[in-house]
C-alpha atoms as a PDB file:
ATOM      1  CA  MET A   1    -108.184  25.935 -10.279  1.00  0.00           C
ATOM      2  CA  SER A   2    -106.038  26.651 -13.515  1.00  0.00           C
ATOM      3  CA  ASN A   3    -104.262  29.529 -11.199  1.00  0.00           C
ATOM      4  CA  ALA A   4    -102.798  27.523  -8.528  1.00  0.00           C
ATOM      5  CA  GLU A   5     -98.890  27.216  -8.693  1.00  0.00           C
ATOM      6  CA  LYS A   6     -97.662  23.655  -9.863  1.00  0.00           C
ATOM      7  CA  ILE A   7     -93.939  22.924  -9.472  1.00  0.00           C
ATOM      8  CA  ILE A   8     -92.771  19.650 -11.262  1.00  0.00           C
ATOM      9  CA  VAL A   9     -89.383  18.158 -12.616  1.00  0.00           C
ATOM     10  CA  VAL A  10     -89.212  17.151 -16.137  1.00  0.00           C
ATOM     11  CA  TRP A  11     -86.932  14.268 -17.514  1.00  0.00           C
ATOM     12  CA  ILE A  12     -86.658  14.561 -21.569  1.00  0.00           C
ATOM     13  CA  GLU A  13     -84.989  11.305 -22.914  1.00  0.00           C
ATOM     14  CA  GLY A  14     -84.083  11.166 -26.419  1.00  0.00           C
ATOM     15  CA  HIS A  15     -81.893  13.040 -29.644  1.00  0.00           C
ATOM     16  CA  VAL A  16     -82.494  16.116 -26.962  1.00  0.00           C
ATOM     17  CA  GLN A  17     -78.811  17.495 -26.924  1.00  0.00           C
ATOM     18  CA  GLY A  18     -77.420  19.650 -29.622  1.00  0.00           C
ATOM     19  CA  VAL A  19     -80.882  20.531 -30.998  1.00  0.00           C
ATOM     20  CA  GLY A  20     -81.265  23.574 -29.209  1.00  0.00           C
ATOM     21  CA  PHE A  21     -83.673  22.247 -26.632  1.00  0.00           C
ATOM     22  CA  ARG A  22     -82.629  24.216 -23.882  1.00  0.00           C
ATOM     23  CA  ALA A  23     -83.190  27.442 -25.501  1.00  0.00           C
ATOM     24  CA  PHE A  24     -86.579  26.613 -26.990  1.00  0.00           C
ATOM     25  CA  VAL A  25     -87.651  25.322 -23.353  1.00  0.00           C
ATOM     26  CA  GLN A  26     -86.325  28.812 -22.162  1.00  0.00           C
ATOM     27  CA  LEU A  27     -87.975  31.027 -24.717  1.00  0.00           C
ATOM     28  CA  GLU A  28     -91.511  28.854 -24.267  1.00  0.00           C
ATOM     29  CA  ALA A  29     -90.998  29.051 -20.229  1.00  0.00           C
ATOM     30  CA  GLU A  30     -90.482  33.112 -20.469  1.00  0.00           C
ATOM     31  CA  ARG A  31     -93.258  33.404 -23.153  1.00  0.00           C
ATOM     32  CA  LEU A  32     -95.376  31.625 -20.352  1.00  0.00           C
ATOM     33  CA  GLY A  33     -94.360  33.504 -17.218  1.00  0.00           C
ATOM     34  CA  ILE A  34     -92.852  30.361 -15.670  1.00  0.00           C
ATOM     35  CA  ARG A  35     -89.873  30.543 -13.543  1.00  0.00           C
ATOM     36  CA  GLY A  36     -87.441  27.975 -13.275  1.00  0.00           C
ATOM     37  CA  TRP A  37     -84.216  26.440 -15.255  1.00  0.00           C
ATOM     38  CA  VAL A  38     -83.310  23.831 -17.687  1.00  0.00           C
ATOM     39  CA  ARG A  39     -79.880  21.786 -18.128  1.00  0.00           C
ATOM     40  CA  ASN A  40     -78.336  18.902 -19.787  1.00  0.00           C
ATOM     41  CA  ARG A  41     -77.616  16.189 -18.042  1.00  0.00           C
ATOM     42  CA  LEU A  42     -74.289  14.184 -18.821  1.00  0.00           C
ATOM     43  CA  ASN A  43     -76.010  11.275 -19.772  1.00  0.00           C
ATOM     44  CA  GLY A  44     -77.800  12.951 -22.781  1.00  0.00           C
ATOM     45  CA  ASP A  45     -81.156  13.837 -21.457  1.00  0.00           C
ATOM     46  CA  VAL A  46     -82.427  16.999 -20.636  1.00  0.00           C
ATOM     47  CA  GLU A  47     -83.535  18.145 -17.324  1.00  0.00           C
ATOM     48  CA  ALA A  48     -86.143  21.072 -16.118  1.00  0.00           C
ATOM     49  CA  LEU A  49     -87.781  22.665 -13.064  1.00  0.00           C
ATOM     50  CA  LEU A  50     -91.188  24.234 -13.769  1.00  0.00           C
ATOM     51  CA  ALA A  51     -93.189  26.396 -11.565  1.00  0.00           C
ATOM     52  CA  GLY A  52     -96.143  28.662 -12.614  1.00  0.00           C
ATOM     53  CA  THR A  53     -99.642  28.037 -12.977  1.00  0.00           C
ATOM     54  CA  THR A  54    -101.148  24.611 -13.796  1.00  0.00           C
ATOM     55  CA  ARG A  55    -102.158  25.645 -17.132  1.00  0.00           C
ATOM     56  CA  HIS A  56     -98.865  27.082 -18.250  1.00  0.00           C
ATOM     57  CA  VAL A  57     -96.974  24.241 -16.847  1.00  0.00           C
ATOM     58  CA  ASP A  58     -99.170  21.459 -18.589  1.00  0.00           C
ATOM     59  CA  SER A  59     -98.946  23.476 -21.660  1.00  0.00           C
ATOM     60  CA  LEU A  60     -94.843  23.849 -21.472  1.00  0.00           C
ATOM     61  CA  ILE A  61     -95.024  20.245 -20.903  1.00  0.00           C
ATOM     62  CA  GLU A  62     -96.928  19.336 -23.716  1.00  0.00           C
ATOM     63  CA  THR A  63     -94.462  21.776 -25.574  1.00  0.00           C
ATOM     64  CA  CYS A  64     -91.258  19.650 -24.349  1.00  0.00           C
ATOM     65  CA  ARG A  65     -92.788  16.331 -25.804  1.00  0.00           C
ATOM     66  CA  ARG A  66     -92.304  17.920 -28.912  1.00  0.00           C
ATOM     67  CA  GLY A  67     -89.353  19.850 -28.767  1.00  0.00           C
ATOM     68  CA  PRO A  68     -87.612  21.915 -31.504  1.00  0.00           C
ATOM     69  CA  GLY A  69     -87.538  20.554 -34.923  1.00  0.00           C
ATOM     70  CA  GLU A  70     -84.314  18.836 -35.029  1.00  0.00           C
ATOM     71  CA  ALA A  71     -85.363  17.066 -31.540  1.00  0.00           C
ATOM     72  CA  ARG A  72     -86.447  13.695 -31.259  1.00  0.00           C
ATOM     73  CA  VAL A  73     -87.870  13.200 -28.073  1.00  0.00           C
ATOM     74  CA  VAL A  74     -88.761   9.278 -27.114  1.00  0.00           C
ATOM     75  CA  ASN A  75     -89.680   9.440 -23.453  1.00  0.00           C
ATOM     76  CA  LEU A  76     -90.754  12.002 -21.131  1.00  0.00           C
ATOM     77  CA  MET A  77     -90.995  11.732 -17.326  1.00  0.00           C
ATOM     78  CA  VAL A  78     -92.747  14.552 -14.718  1.00  0.00           C
ATOM     79  CA  ARG A  79     -92.436  14.032 -10.785  1.00  0.00           C
ATOM     80  CA  MET A  80     -92.064  16.224  -7.909  1.00  0.00           C
ATOM     81  CA  PRO A  81     -88.886  18.048  -7.022  1.00  0.00           C
ATOM     82  CA  GLU A  82     -86.994  16.917  -4.242  1.00  0.00           C
ATOM     83  CA  ALA A  83     -86.401  19.364  -1.313  1.00  0.00           C
ATOM     84  CA  ASP A  84     -82.601  20.139  -2.597  1.00  0.00           C
ATOM     85  CA  GLU A  85     -83.749  20.821  -6.204  1.00  0.00           C
ATOM     86  CA  LEU A  86     -85.799  23.740  -4.977  1.00  0.00           C
ATOM     87  CA  ILE A  87     -82.858  25.466  -3.497  1.00  0.00           C
ATOM     88  CA  ASP A  88     -82.202  26.215  -7.347  1.00  0.00           C
ATOM     89  CA  LEU A  89     -85.681  27.728  -8.161  1.00  0.00           C
ATOM     90  CA  PRO A  90     -85.704  31.294  -8.901  1.00  0.00           C
ATOM     91  CA  VAL A  91     -87.776  33.865  -7.402  1.00  0.00           C
ATOM     92  CA  ARG A  92     -88.064  35.437 -11.088  1.00  0.00           C
ATOM     93  CA  GLY A  93     -86.997  34.255 -14.458  1.00  0.00           C
ATOM     94  CA  PHE A  94     -86.124  31.126 -16.092  1.00  0.00           C
ATOM     95  CA  HIS A  95     -82.430  30.105 -16.196  1.00  0.00           C
ATOM     96  CA  LEU A  96     -79.936  27.784 -18.286  1.00  0.00           C
ATOM     97  CA  LEU A  97     -77.971  25.751 -15.696  1.00  0.00           C
ATOM     98  CA  PRO A  98     -74.626  24.040 -16.051  1.00  0.00           C
ATOM     99  CA  THR A  99     -74.611  20.448 -17.368  1.00  0.00           C
ATOM    100  CA  ILE A 100     -74.558  17.595 -14.631  1.00  0.00           C
END
């Protein structure tokens, strides 16, 4: 079952902007072979769309709970993506998207 593809959206709250959080997520996603994107939100949160094996996506979620050294994650929510969010899911790779 760990080879099944899992696609989720992760919303991370706390001190997560200005600390290299997006680059941290991108580096780990690329290491794990996860497709998707990460972006800052205008309210100070970070949001990511993750697609990969269940095992790798779950591993990246746990990594996001910790964040890079300067980050302070206070809440992490996981949900299923909406259809319009899947439009930006890349066929390959992991991308930084503009802030929204």
